[in-house]
C-alpha atoms as a PDB file:
ATOM      1  CA  MET A   1     176.474-115.805 125.322  1.00  0.00           C
ATOM      2  CA  SER A   2     177.978-115.865 121.748  1.00  0.00           C
ATOM      3  CA  ASP A   3     181.549-116.366 120.743  1.00  0.00           C
ATOM      4  CA  ALA A   4     181.799-112.966 119.522  1.00  0.00           C
ATOM      5  CA  ALA A   5     180.937-111.412 122.926  1.00  0.00           C
ATOM      6  CA  PRO A   6     184.533-111.132 124.105  1.00  0.00           C
ATOM      7  CA  SER A   7     185.792-109.118 121.229  1.00  0.00           C
ATOM      8  CA  GLN A   8     182.764-106.938 121.312  1.00  0.00           C
ATOM      9  CA  HIS A   9     183.334-106.085 124.927  1.00  0.00           C
ATOM     10  CA  LEU A  10     187.109-105.353 124.229  1.00  0.00           C
ATOM     11  CA  GLY A  11     186.216-102.946 121.582  1.00  0.00           C
ATOM     12  CA  ALA A  12     183.538-101.225 123.782  1.00  0.00           C
ATOM     13  CA  ASP A  13     186.238-100.709 126.547  1.00  0.00           C
ATOM     14  CA  ARG A  14     188.572 -99.076 123.919  1.00  0.00           C
ATOM     15  CA  ALA A  15     185.952 -96.837 122.970  1.00  0.00           C
ATOM     16  CA  HIS A  16     184.856 -95.952 126.398  1.00  0.00           C
ATOM     17  CA  PRO A  17     187.950 -96.404 128.784  1.00  0.00           C
ATOM     18  CA  ALA A  18     187.314 -96.952 132.315  1.00  0.00           C
ATOM     19  CA  PRO A  19     187.482 -93.747 134.490  1.00  0.00           C
ATOM     20  CA  THR A  20     190.761 -93.341 136.528  1.00  0.00           C
ATOM     21  CA  ALA A  21     191.462 -91.540 139.640  1.00  0.00           C
ATOM     22  CA  SER A  22     192.124 -88.285 137.757  1.00  0.00           C
ATOM     23  CA  SER A  23     189.099 -88.376 135.502  1.00  0.00           C
ATOM     24  CA  PRO A  24     185.853 -86.838 136.594  1.00  0.00           C
ATOM     25  CA  ALA A  25     183.098 -89.100 137.932  1.00  0.00           C
ATOM     26  CA  PRO A  26     180.182 -89.639 135.306  1.00  0.00           C
ATOM     27  CA  LYS A  27     177.165 -87.330 135.865  1.00  0.00           C
ATOM     28  CA  PRO A  28     174.233 -89.280 137.313  1.00  0.00           C
ATOM     29  CA  LYS A  29     171.211 -89.390 134.728  1.00  0.00           C
ATOM     30  CA  GLU A  30     168.505 -86.910 135.428  1.00  0.00           C
ATOM     31  CA  SER A  31     166.192 -89.747 136.411  1.00  0.00           C
ATOM     32  CA  GLU A  32     168.499 -90.703 139.239  1.00  0.00           C
ATOM     33  CA  LEU A  33     168.819 -87.213 140.673  1.00  0.00           C
ATOM     34  CA  THR A  34     167.414 -86.436 144.178  1.00  0.00           C
ATOM     35  CA  PRO A  35     164.985 -83.704 144.150  1.00  0.00           C
ATOM     36  CA  VAL A  36     166.563 -80.686 146.173  1.00  0.00           C
ATOM     37  CA  VAL A  37     164.301 -78.243 148.034  1.00  0.00           C
ATOM     38  CA  ASN A  38     164.938 -74.553 147.511  1.00  0.00           C
ATOM     39  CA  PRO A  39     164.019 -73.180 151.107  1.00  0.00           C
ATOM     40  CA  ARG A  40     163.014 -69.821 149.789  1.00  0.00           C
ATOM     41  CA  VAL A  41     160.668 -71.118 147.042  1.00  0.00           C
ATOM     42  CA  TYR A  42     159.490 -73.650 149.558  1.00  0.00           C
ATOM     43  CA  ARG A  43     158.590 -71.102 152.002  1.00  0.00           C
ATOM     44  CA  PHE A  44     157.161 -68.846 149.184  1.00  0.00           C
ATOM     45  CA  VAL A  45     154.710 -71.484 148.187  1.00  0.00           C
ATOM     46  CA  VAL A  46     153.599 -72.324 151.724  1.00  0.00           C
ATOM     47  CA  ASP A  47     152.748 -68.747 152.489  1.00  0.00           C
ATOM     48  CA  ILE A  48     151.186 -67.831 149.096  1.00  0.00           C
ATOM     49  CA  THR A  49     148.983 -70.989 149.402  1.00  0.00           C
ATOM     50  CA  TYR A  50     147.769 -69.899 152.903  1.00  0.00           C
ATOM     51  CA  LEU A  51     146.420 -66.673 151.621  1.00  0.00           C
ATOM     52  CA  PRO A  52     142.964 -68.286 150.839  1.00  0.00           C
ATOM     53  CA  VAL A  53     142.823 -69.647 154.200  1.00  0.00           C
ATOM     54  CA  LEU A  54     143.255 -66.131 155.668  1.00  0.00           C
ATOM     55  CA  LEU A  55     141.077 -64.338 153.074  1.00  0.00           C
ATOM     56  CA  SER A  56     138.268 -66.696 153.898  1.00  0.00           C
ATOM     57  CA  GLY A  57     138.504 -65.715 157.575  1.00  0.00           C
ATOM     58  CA  MET A  58     139.711 -69.296 158.405  1.00  0.00           C
ATOM     59  CA  ARG A  59     142.712 -70.384 160.590  1.00  0.00           C
ATOM     60  CA  LEU A  60     144.947 -73.402 160.934  1.00  0.00           C
ATOM     61  CA  GLU A  61     145.000 -75.338 164.135  1.00  0.00           C
ATOM     62  CA  VAL A  62     147.920 -77.947 164.790  1.00  0.00           C
ATOM     63  CA  HIS A  63     147.841 -80.876 167.226  1.00  0.00           C
ATOM     64  CA  GLY A  64     150.403 -83.342 168.051  1.00  0.00           C
ATOM     65  CA  ARG A  65     153.518 -81.357 166.602  1.00  0.00           C
ATOM     66  CA  GLU A  66     155.535 -83.123 169.162  1.00  0.00           C
ATOM     67  CA  HIS A  67     155.235 -86.527 167.453  1.00  0.00           C
ATOM     68  CA  VAL A  68     157.058 -85.204 164.593  1.00  0.00           C
ATOM     69  CA  PRO A  69     160.692 -86.748 164.463  1.00  0.00           C
ATOM     70  CA  PRO A  70     163.681 -84.159 164.308  1.00  0.00           C
ATOM     71  CA  PRO A  71     164.799 -83.003 160.926  1.00  0.00           C
ATOM     72  CA  GLY A  72     167.712 -84.773 159.312  1.00  0.00           C
ATOM     73  CA  THR A  73     165.990 -88.308 159.827  1.00  0.00           C
ATOM     74  CA  PRO A  74     164.112 -90.154 157.008  1.00  0.00           C
ATOM     75  CA  LEU A  75     160.345 -89.971 157.395  1.00  0.00           C
ATOM     76  CA  VAL A  76     157.248 -90.784 155.236  1.00  0.00           C
ATOM     77  CA  VAL A  77     154.252 -88.639 156.032  1.00  0.00           C
ATOM     78  CA  ALA A  78     151.089 -90.214 155.181  1.00  0.00           C
ATOM     79  CA  ALA A  79     147.730 -88.145 155.273  1.00  0.00           C
ATOM     80  CA  ASN A  80     144.172 -88.389 154.381  1.00  0.00           C
ATOM     81  CA  HIS A  81     143.180 -86.339 151.298  1.00  0.00           C
ATOM     82  CA  ARG A  82     140.291 -83.792 151.332  1.00  0.00           C
ATOM     83  CA  SER A  83     141.161 -80.788 149.289  1.00  0.00           C
ATOM     84  CA  GLY A  84     143.931 -79.190 147.084  1.00  0.00           C
ATOM     85  CA  LEU A  85     145.165 -77.316 150.048  1.00  0.00           C
ATOM     86  CA  ASP A  86     146.190 -80.461 152.065  1.00  0.00           C
ATOM     87  CA  PRO A  87     150.003 -80.676 151.109  1.00  0.00           C
ATOM     88  CA  PHE A  88     150.475 -77.065 151.913  1.00  0.00           C
ATOM     89  CA  LEU A  89     148.539 -77.091 155.263  1.00  0.00           C
ATOM     90  CA  ILE A  90     150.566 -79.956 156.299  1.00  0.00           C
ATOM     91  CA  ALA A  91     153.991 -78.283 155.081  1.00  0.00           C
ATOM     92  CA  ARG A  92     152.919 -75.294 157.166  1.00  0.00           C
ATOM     93  CA  ALA A  93     152.160 -77.273 160.320  1.00  0.00           C
ATOM     94  CA  LEU A  94     155.467 -79.163 160.235  1.00  0.00           C
ATOM     95  CA  PRO A  95     158.178 -77.966 162.602  1.00  0.00           C
ATOM     96  CA  PRO A  96     160.852 -75.747 161.080  1.00  0.00           C
ATOM     97  CA  GLY A  97     163.618 -77.779 159.408  1.00  0.00           C
ATOM     98  CA  ARG A  98     161.219 -80.390 158.002  1.00  0.00           C
ATOM     99  CA  TYR A  99     160.854 -79.865 154.216  1.00  0.00           C
ATOM    100  CA  MET A 100     158.253 -82.192 153.113  1.00  0.00           C
ATOM    101  CA  GLN A 101     158.605 -83.388 149.380  1.00  0.00           C
ATOM    102  CA  PHE A 102     155.412 -84.522 147.944  1.00  0.00           C
ATOM    103  CA  MET A 103     154.809 -87.243 145.365  1.00  0.00           C
ATOM    104  CA  ALA A 104     152.467 -85.245 143.123  1.00  0.00           C
ATOM    105  CA  LYS A 105     150.566 -86.284 140.111  1.00  0.00           C
ATOM    106  CA  LYS A 106     152.390 -85.762 136.876  1.00  0.00           C
ATOM    107  CA  GLU A 107     149.625 -83.551 135.464  1.00  0.00           C
ATOM    108  CA  LEU A 108     150.635 -80.829 137.867  1.00  0.00           C
ATOM    109  CA  PHE A 109     154.045 -80.543 136.200  1.00  0.00           C
ATOM    110  CA  GLY A 110     153.045 -78.116 133.459  1.00  0.00           C
ATOM    111  CA  PRO A 111     155.139 -75.367 131.878  1.00  0.00           C
ATOM    112  CA  ILE A 112     154.050 -72.841 134.586  1.00  0.00           C
ATOM    113  CA  THR A 113     153.461 -74.769 137.726  1.00  0.00           C
ATOM    114  CA  GLY A 114     155.980 -77.499 137.216  1.00  0.00           C
ATOM    115  CA  PRO A 115     159.241 -75.366 137.751  1.00  0.00           C
ATOM    116  CA  LEU A 116     157.545 -74.039 140.949  1.00  0.00           C
ATOM    117  CA  ILE A 117     156.642 -77.524 142.297  1.00  0.00           C
ATOM    118  CA  THR A 118     160.094 -78.899 141.340  1.00  0.00           C
ATOM    119  CA  ALA A 119     161.899 -75.958 143.187  1.00  0.00           C
ATOM    120  CA  GLY A 120     159.732 -76.884 146.232  1.00  0.00           C
ATOM    121  CA  GLY A 121     161.344 -80.369 146.055  1.00  0.00           C
ATOM    122  CA  SER A 122     158.378 -82.369 145.011  1.00  0.00           C
ATOM    123  CA  TYR A 123     158.270 -84.699 142.022  1.00  0.00           C
ATOM    124  CA  PRO A 124     155.854 -86.439 139.754  1.00  0.00           C
ATOM    125  CA  VAL A 125     154.198 -89.769 139.845  1.00  0.00           C
ATOM    126  CA  ASP A 126     152.111 -91.580 137.063  1.00  0.00           C
ATOM    127  CA  ARG A 127     149.180 -92.730 139.101  1.00  0.00           C
ATOM    128  CA  ASN A 128     147.979 -94.848 136.100  1.00  0.00           C
ATOM    129  CA  ILE A 129     150.682 -97.330 136.487  1.00  0.00           C
ATOM    130  CA  SER A 130     153.117 -98.774 138.919  1.00  0.00           C
ATOM    131  CA  ASP A 131     155.550 -95.795 138.789  1.00  0.00           C
ATOM    132  CA  VAL A 132     158.879 -97.384 139.674  1.00  0.00           C
ATOM    133  CA  LYS A 133     160.856 -94.244 138.904  1.00  0.00           C
ATOM    134  CA  ALA A 134     158.757 -92.300 141.574  1.00  0.00           C
ATOM    135  CA  VAL A 135     159.325 -94.969 143.997  1.00  0.00           C
ATOM    136  CA  ARG A 136     163.159 -94.893 143.562  1.00  0.00           C
ATOM    137  CA  THR A 137     163.154 -91.066 143.879  1.00  0.00           C
ATOM    138  CA  SER A 138     161.275 -91.364 147.172  1.00  0.00           C
ATOM    139  CA  LEU A 139     164.022 -93.813 148.359  1.00  0.00           C
ATOM    140  CA  ARG A 140     166.745 -91.575 147.331  1.00  0.00           C
ATOM    141  CA  ILE A 141     165.089 -88.667 149.430  1.00  0.00           C
ATOM    142  CA  LEU A 142     164.804 -90.719 152.386  1.00  0.00           C
ATOM    143  CA  ALA A 143     168.322 -91.965 151.929  1.00  0.00           C
ATOM    144  CA  ALA A 144     169.280 -88.409 152.229  1.00  0.00           C
ATOM    145  CA  GLY A 145     167.460 -87.958 155.447  1.00  0.00           C
ATOM    146  CA  GLY A 146     164.348 -86.179 153.841  1.00  0.00           C
ATOM    147  CA  THR A 147     160.744 -86.179 154.165  1.00  0.00           C
ATOM    148  CA  VAL A 148     158.572 -87.830 151.668  1.00  0.00           C
ATOM    149  CA  GLY A 149     154.781 -86.883 151.611  1.00  0.00           C
ATOM    150  CA  ILE A 150     151.977 -89.263 150.212  1.00  0.00           C
ATOM    151  CA  PHE A 151     148.405 -89.355 150.200  1.00  0.00           C
ATOM    152  CA  PRO A 152     147.590 -93.383 150.419  1.00  0.00           C
ATOM    153  CA  GLU A 153     144.117 -92.652 149.053  1.00  0.00           C
ATOM    154  CA  GLY A 154     145.611 -91.563 145.868  1.00  0.00           C
ATOM    155  CA  THR A 155     142.756 -88.956 145.061  1.00  0.00           C
ATOM    156  CA  ARG A 156     140.720 -86.789 147.327  1.00  0.00           C
ATOM    157  CA  GLY A 157     138.355 -88.805 149.392  1.00  0.00           C
ATOM    158  CA  GLY A 158     139.619 -91.930 147.485  1.00  0.00           C
ATOM    159  CA  GLY A 159     138.544 -94.261 150.272  1.00  0.00           C
ATOM    160  CA  GLU A 160     140.524 -97.327 149.636  1.00  0.00           C
ATOM    161  CA  LEU A 161     144.199 -96.969 150.577  1.00  0.00           C
ATOM    162  CA  HIS A 162     147.120 -98.122 148.392  1.00  0.00           C
ATOM    163  CA  GLY A 163     150.295 -99.633 149.707  1.00  0.00           C
ATOM    164  CA  GLY A 164     152.770 -97.091 148.327  1.00  0.00           C
ATOM    165  CA  ALA A 165     153.500 -95.374 151.615  1.00  0.00           C
ATOM    166  CA  ALA A 166     154.149 -98.726 153.493  1.00  0.00           C
ATOM    167  CA  LEU A 167     156.118 -99.976 150.718  1.00  0.00           C
ATOM    168  CA  ILE A 168     158.361 -96.823 150.503  1.00  0.00           C
ATOM    169  CA  ALA A 169     158.673 -96.602 154.225  1.00  0.00           C
ATOM    170  CA  ALA A 170     159.596-100.275 154.433  1.00  0.00           C
ATOM    171  CA  LYS A 171     162.221-100.195 151.762  1.00  0.00           C
ATOM    172  CA  GLY A 172     163.606 -96.720 152.898  1.00  0.00           C
ATOM    173  CA  ARG A 173     163.662 -97.960 156.620  1.00  0.00           C
ATOM    174  CA  ALA A 174     161.649 -94.864 157.641  1.00  0.00           C
ATOM    175  CA  PRO A 175     158.866 -94.576 160.103  1.00  0.00           C
ATOM    176  CA  ILE A 176     155.426 -93.383 158.958  1.00  0.00           C
ATOM    177  CA  LEU A 177     154.105 -90.365 160.430  1.00  0.00           C
ATOM    178  CA  PRO A 178     150.039 -90.350 160.133  1.00  0.00           C
ATOM    179  CA  VAL A 179     148.472 -87.085 159.531  1.00  0.00           C
ATOM    180  CA  GLY A 180     144.755 -86.365 159.742  1.00  0.00           C
ATOM    181  CA  ILE A 181     143.032 -83.293 158.119  1.00  0.00           C
ATOM    182  CA  SER A 182     139.695 -82.013 158.851  1.00  0.00           C
ATOM    183  CA  ARG A 183     137.465 -78.834 158.581  1.00  0.00           C
ATOM    184  CA  VAL A 184     135.223 -77.665 161.244  1.00  0.00           C
ATOM    185  CA  GLY A 185     133.599 -74.312 160.700  1.00  0.00           C
ATOM    186  CA  ARG A 186     136.286 -71.818 160.082  1.00  0.00           C
ATOM    187  CA  ARG A 187     139.157 -74.108 161.380  1.00  0.00           C
ATOM    188  CA  TRP A 188     141.316 -76.204 159.303  1.00  0.00           C
ATOM    189  CA  ILE A 189     142.810 -78.923 161.675  1.00  0.00           C
ATOM    190  CA  VAL A 190     145.993 -80.931 161.040  1.00  0.00           C
ATOM    191  CA  ARG A 191     146.596 -83.609 163.733  1.00  0.00           C
ATOM    192  CA  PHE A 192     149.901 -85.584 163.863  1.00  0.00           C
ATOM    193  CA  GLY A 193     149.932 -88.989 165.368  1.00  0.00           C
ATOM    194  CA  PRO A 194     152.935 -91.003 166.886  1.00  0.00           C
ATOM    195  CA  PRO A 195     155.115 -92.509 164.164  1.00  0.00           C
ATOM    196  CA  LEU A 196     154.433 -95.990 162.959  1.00  0.00           C
ATOM    197  CA  PRO A 197     157.530 -98.220 162.678  1.00  0.00           C
ATOM    198  CA  SER A 198     157.853 -99.659 158.964  1.00  0.00           C
ATOM    199  CA  ARG A 199     157.903-103.305 160.056  1.00  0.00           C
ATOM    200  CA  GLY A 200     155.658-106.267 159.372  1.00  0.00           C
ATOM    201  CA  GLY A 201     154.017-106.988 156.019  1.00  0.00           C
ATOM    202  CA  ILE A 202     152.939-104.319 153.529  1.00  0.00           C
ATOM    203  CA  LYS A 203     149.330-105.121 153.742  1.00  0.00           C
ATOM    204  CA  ALA A 204     149.187-105.020 157.504  1.00  0.00           C
ATOM    205  CA  LEU A 205     151.122-101.925 157.778  1.00  0.00           C
ATOM    206  CA  THR A 206     148.672-100.347 155.170  1.00  0.00           C
ATOM    207  CA  VAL A 207     145.819-101.258 157.383  1.00  0.00           C
ATOM    208  CA  GLU A 208     147.384 -99.791 160.403  1.00  0.00           C
ATOM    209  CA  VAL A 209     148.021 -96.575 158.552  1.00  0.00           C
ATOM    210  CA  GLY A 210     144.346 -96.317 157.460  1.00  0.00           C
ATOM    211  CA  GLU A 211     143.082 -97.070 160.873  1.00  0.00           C
ATOM    212  CA  ARG A 212     145.328 -94.221 162.250  1.00  0.00           C
ATOM    213  CA  LEU A 213     144.257 -91.736 159.457  1.00  0.00           C
ATOM    214  CA  ALA A 214     140.684 -92.551 160.069  1.00  0.00           C
ATOM    215  CA  GLU A 215     141.065 -91.631 163.833  1.00  0.00           C
ATOM    216  CA  LEU A 216     143.251 -88.477 163.372  1.00  0.00           C
ATOM    217  CA  ALA A 217     140.843 -87.093 160.570  1.00  0.00           C
ATOM    218  CA  GLN A 218     137.896 -86.809 163.227  1.00  0.00           C
ATOM    219  CA  PRO A 219     137.474 -83.336 164.511  1.00  0.00           C
ATOM    220  CA  VAL A 220     138.966 -82.270 167.640  1.00  0.00           C
ATOM    221  CA  GLY A 221     138.452 -79.389 170.096  1.00  0.00           C
ATOM    222  CA  GLU A 222     140.187 -76.014 170.112  1.00  0.00           C
ATOM    223  CA  LYS A 223     143.903 -76.176 170.691  1.00  0.00           C
ATOM    224  CA  VAL A 224     144.787 -74.960 174.175  1.00  0.00           C
END
């Protein structure tokens, strides 16, 4: 520390006086804001993206919905990734009140689709780096009792799982809800498994998530 530091700090204090009880609180930076879900936009996107399923003569089956924790509690949803419909099928399969906010690749946030995705509560991630900003955004969502959606494979059919879901769940003190997606004939099948507690090491938890996803992604019979 230099000898000039105290006077410089005093000058800075005069230029930017400390806030008082009557002064407004400083606005958070845009990068520190928690993405907010617009329920109407969210439902519109979920409904419009289900049209291709209906028009192709297919249908959605949901198994294990009883495993989904009640709304208002932090939750990380981790699913296998096989098609571009995956996030919307999971969102449709979740019980009412659970608004899933996906960590989506930044390339999707263009001038047309970006505002729509953002209004739905999702947020960008740079898959080419360790995106600390995306992780912090995830933790703010969990702290508010929200639902973070992640594909541990990263890409469709990526195979090798990344530890992001386990890391975010551990730091956010949230359970991981494993979800398997499969397609059999004219059926899209979404299977929820029992939540996994976010304890133990990140590597061990990632392995456990992978094992559960592999099981849940296996085709099942018709829902009764």
